[in-house]
Structure formats: C-alpha cells, structure tokens
N, C-alpha and C. Protein backbone atom coordinates (compact mmCIF):
# COMPACT_ATOMS: atom_id res chain seq x y z
N MET A 1 -36.81 1.57 -1.60
CA MET A 1 -35.78 2.59 -1.21
C MET A 1 -34.56 1.97 -0.49
N ALA A 2 -34.94 0.93 0.60
CA ALA A 2 -34.19 0.21 1.21
C ALA A 2 -33.10 -0.30 0.47
N ASP A 3 -33.58 -1.23 -0.63
CA ASP A 3 -32.71 -2.09 -1.58
C ASP A 3 -31.70 -0.90 -2.21
N PHE A 4 -32.27 0.35 -2.70
CA PHE A 4 -31.41 1.27 -3.11
C PHE A 4 -30.20 1.80 -2.16
N GLU A 5 -30.64 2.10 -0.86
CA GLU A 5 -29.62 2.40 0.28
C GLU A 5 -28.70 1.16 0.42
N ARG A 6 -29.16 0.08 0.29
CA ARG A 6 -28.16 -1.05 0.80
C ARG A 6 -27.15 -1.12 -0.39
N ARG A 7 -27.62 -0.64 -1.60
CA ARG A 7 -26.72 -0.76 -2.80
C ARG A 7 -25.59 0.31 -2.65
N ILE A 8 -26.18 1.44 -2.31
CA ILE A 8 -25.21 2.68 -2.04
C ILE A 8 -24.24 2.28 -0.82
N GLY A 9 -24.60 1.49 0.22
CA GLY A 9 -23.86 1.13 1.32
C GLY A 9 -22.72 0.23 0.81
N LYS A 10 -23.00 -0.87 -0.03
CA LYS A 10 -22.16 -1.80 -0.48
C LYS A 10 -21.08 -1.02 -1.44
N PHE A 11 -21.58 0.06 -2.11
CA PHE A 11 -20.72 0.68 -3.02
C PHE A 11 -19.66 1.56 -2.34
N LEU A 12 -20.22 2.20 -1.24
CA LEU A 12 -19.32 3.01 -0.39
C LEU A 12 -18.29 1.99 0.20
N PHE A 13 -18.76 0.86 0.80
CA PHE A 13 -18.02 -0.10 1.39
C PHE A 13 -16.75 -0.42 0.39
N ALA A 14 -17.24 -0.83 -0.71
CA ALA A 14 -16.39 -1.15 -1.74
C ALA A 14 -15.19 -0.19 -2.05
N ILE A 15 -15.64 1.20 -2.01
CA ILE A 15 -14.73 2.09 -2.33
C ILE A 15 -13.82 2.20 -1.13
N ASN A 16 -14.28 1.95 0.19
CA ASN A 16 -13.29 2.14 1.15
C ASN A 16 -12.37 0.91 1.18
N ASP A 17 -12.72 -0.24 0.67
CA ASP A 17 -11.90 -1.29 0.63
C ASP A 17 -10.67 -0.91 -0.19
N PHE A 18 -11.36 -0.41 -1.49
CA PHE A 18 -10.28 -0.12 -2.45
C PHE A 18 -9.27 0.78 -2.18
N ARG A 19 -9.90 1.84 -1.29
CA ARG A 19 -8.76 2.83 -0.78
C ARG A 19 -7.52 2.09 0.02
N ARG A 20 -8.33 1.40 0.96
CA ARG A 20 -7.24 0.70 1.92
C ARG A 20 -6.51 -0.17 1.27
N ILE A 21 -6.70 -0.79 -0.12
CA ILE A 21 -5.91 -1.63 -0.70
C ILE A 21 -4.80 -0.73 -1.30
N VAL A 22 -5.28 0.43 -1.81
CA VAL A 22 -4.48 1.35 -2.64
C VAL A 22 -3.27 1.97 -1.66
N ALA A 23 -3.92 2.37 -0.45
CA ALA A 23 -2.94 2.91 0.57
C ALA A 23 -1.95 1.79 0.95
N PHE A 24 -2.26 0.61 1.22
CA PHE A 24 -1.53 -0.59 1.67
C PHE A 24 -0.48 -0.76 0.46
N GLY A 25 -0.79 -0.73 -0.91
CA GLY A 25 0.12 -0.95 -1.86
C GLY A 25 1.13 0.10 -1.86
N ALA A 26 0.57 1.47 -1.69
CA ALA A 26 1.66 2.55 -1.68
C ALA A 26 2.71 2.37 -0.47
N ALA A 27 1.91 2.11 0.64
CA ALA A 27 3.01 1.85 1.80
C ALA A 27 4.04 0.54 1.38
N ALA A 28 3.56 -0.38 0.94
CA ALA A 28 4.38 -1.44 0.62
C ALA A 28 5.48 -1.32 -0.42
N ALA A 29 4.95 -0.34 -1.49
CA ALA A 29 5.89 0.22 -2.50
C ALA A 29 7.07 1.10 -1.77
N LYS A 30 6.81 2.05 -0.94
CA LYS A 30 7.45 2.82 -0.32
C LYS A 30 8.48 2.16 0.69
N TRP A 31 8.08 1.03 1.27
CA TRP A 31 8.77 0.15 2.41
C TRP A 31 9.83 -0.55 1.24
N ARG A 32 9.36 -0.97 0.28
CA ARG A 32 10.33 -1.81 -0.55
C ARG A 32 11.39 -0.79 -1.13
N ALA A 33 11.08 0.28 -1.59
CA ALA A 33 12.07 1.35 -2.14
C ALA A 33 13.15 1.59 -0.96
N ALA A 34 12.70 1.83 0.19
CA ALA A 34 13.40 2.27 1.55
C ALA A 34 14.30 0.64 1.66
N SER A 35 13.98 -0.16 1.56
CA SER A 35 14.48 -1.38 1.80
C SER A 35 15.42 -1.59 0.89
N ALA A 36 15.27 -1.65 -0.23
CA ALA A 36 16.19 -1.45 -1.65
C ALA A 36 17.18 -0.53 -1.24
N LYS A 37 17.03 0.60 -0.87
CA LYS A 37 17.88 1.73 -0.74
C LYS A 37 18.91 1.29 0.39
N ALA A 38 18.25 0.68 1.62
CA ALA A 38 19.20 0.46 2.53
C ALA A 38 19.94 -0.90 2.30
N GLY A 39 19.68 -1.74 1.54
CA GLY A 39 20.26 -2.82 1.05
C GLY A 39 21.31 -2.35 0.18
N THR A 40 21.26 -1.59 -0.66
CA THR A 40 22.36 -1.03 -1.49
C THR A 40 23.56 -0.25 -0.71
N VAL A 41 23.04 0.47 0.33
CA VAL A 41 23.75 1.04 1.17
C VAL A 41 24.62 0.19 1.95
N LEU A 42 24.04 -0.94 2.58
CA LEU A 42 24.64 -2.06 3.37
C LEU A 42 25.71 -2.60 2.45
N ALA A 43 25.39 -3.01 1.28
CA ALA A 43 26.19 -3.53 0.22
C ALA A 43 27.34 -3.11 0.17
N ARG A 44 27.34 -1.57 -0.25
CA ARG A 44 28.47 -0.48 -0.36
C ARG A 44 29.32 -0.61 0.97
N ASN A 45 28.84 -0.63 2.15
CA ASN A 45 29.54 -0.52 3.29
C ASN A 45 30.34 -1.93 3.41
N ASP A 46 29.63 -2.91 2.95
CA ASP A 46 30.48 -4.40 3.02
C ASP A 46 31.55 -4.27 2.04
N ALA A 47 31.38 -3.82 0.95
CA ALA A 47 32.38 -3.69 -0.21
C ALA A 47 33.65 -3.08 0.20
N GLN A 48 33.68 -1.84 1.22
CA GLN A 48 34.79 -1.31 1.62
C GLN A 48 35.58 -2.00 2.79
N PRO A 49 36.66 -2.30 2.47
CA PRO A 49 37.62 -2.99 3.40
C PRO A 49 37.80 -2.24 4.94
C-alpha cells in the first residue's frame, strides 16, 4: 500500500510541476505580448517628429 501511495504522491507532484510550468509559460507569453505592444507604441512615438 505504501508503494501505491508513494506512486500517487509522485503523480500529484508531477501534476503540480506541470501546472506551474504551464502557468509560467502563460505568464511569459502574456508578458511577451505586452512588451511587444509597448515596443510598437514606443517605435510609433519615436517615428513622430
């Protein structure tokens, strides 16, 4: 039984890890999109005399 519980614990730990990676990826994508938007706005402002 202990082996089974250990396996479930490892599985849950892996799911938590996966969730953290997905959340980090989503945050990174959001940040990248925001910085790209800011970059185009800055470029537009620089283009205007």
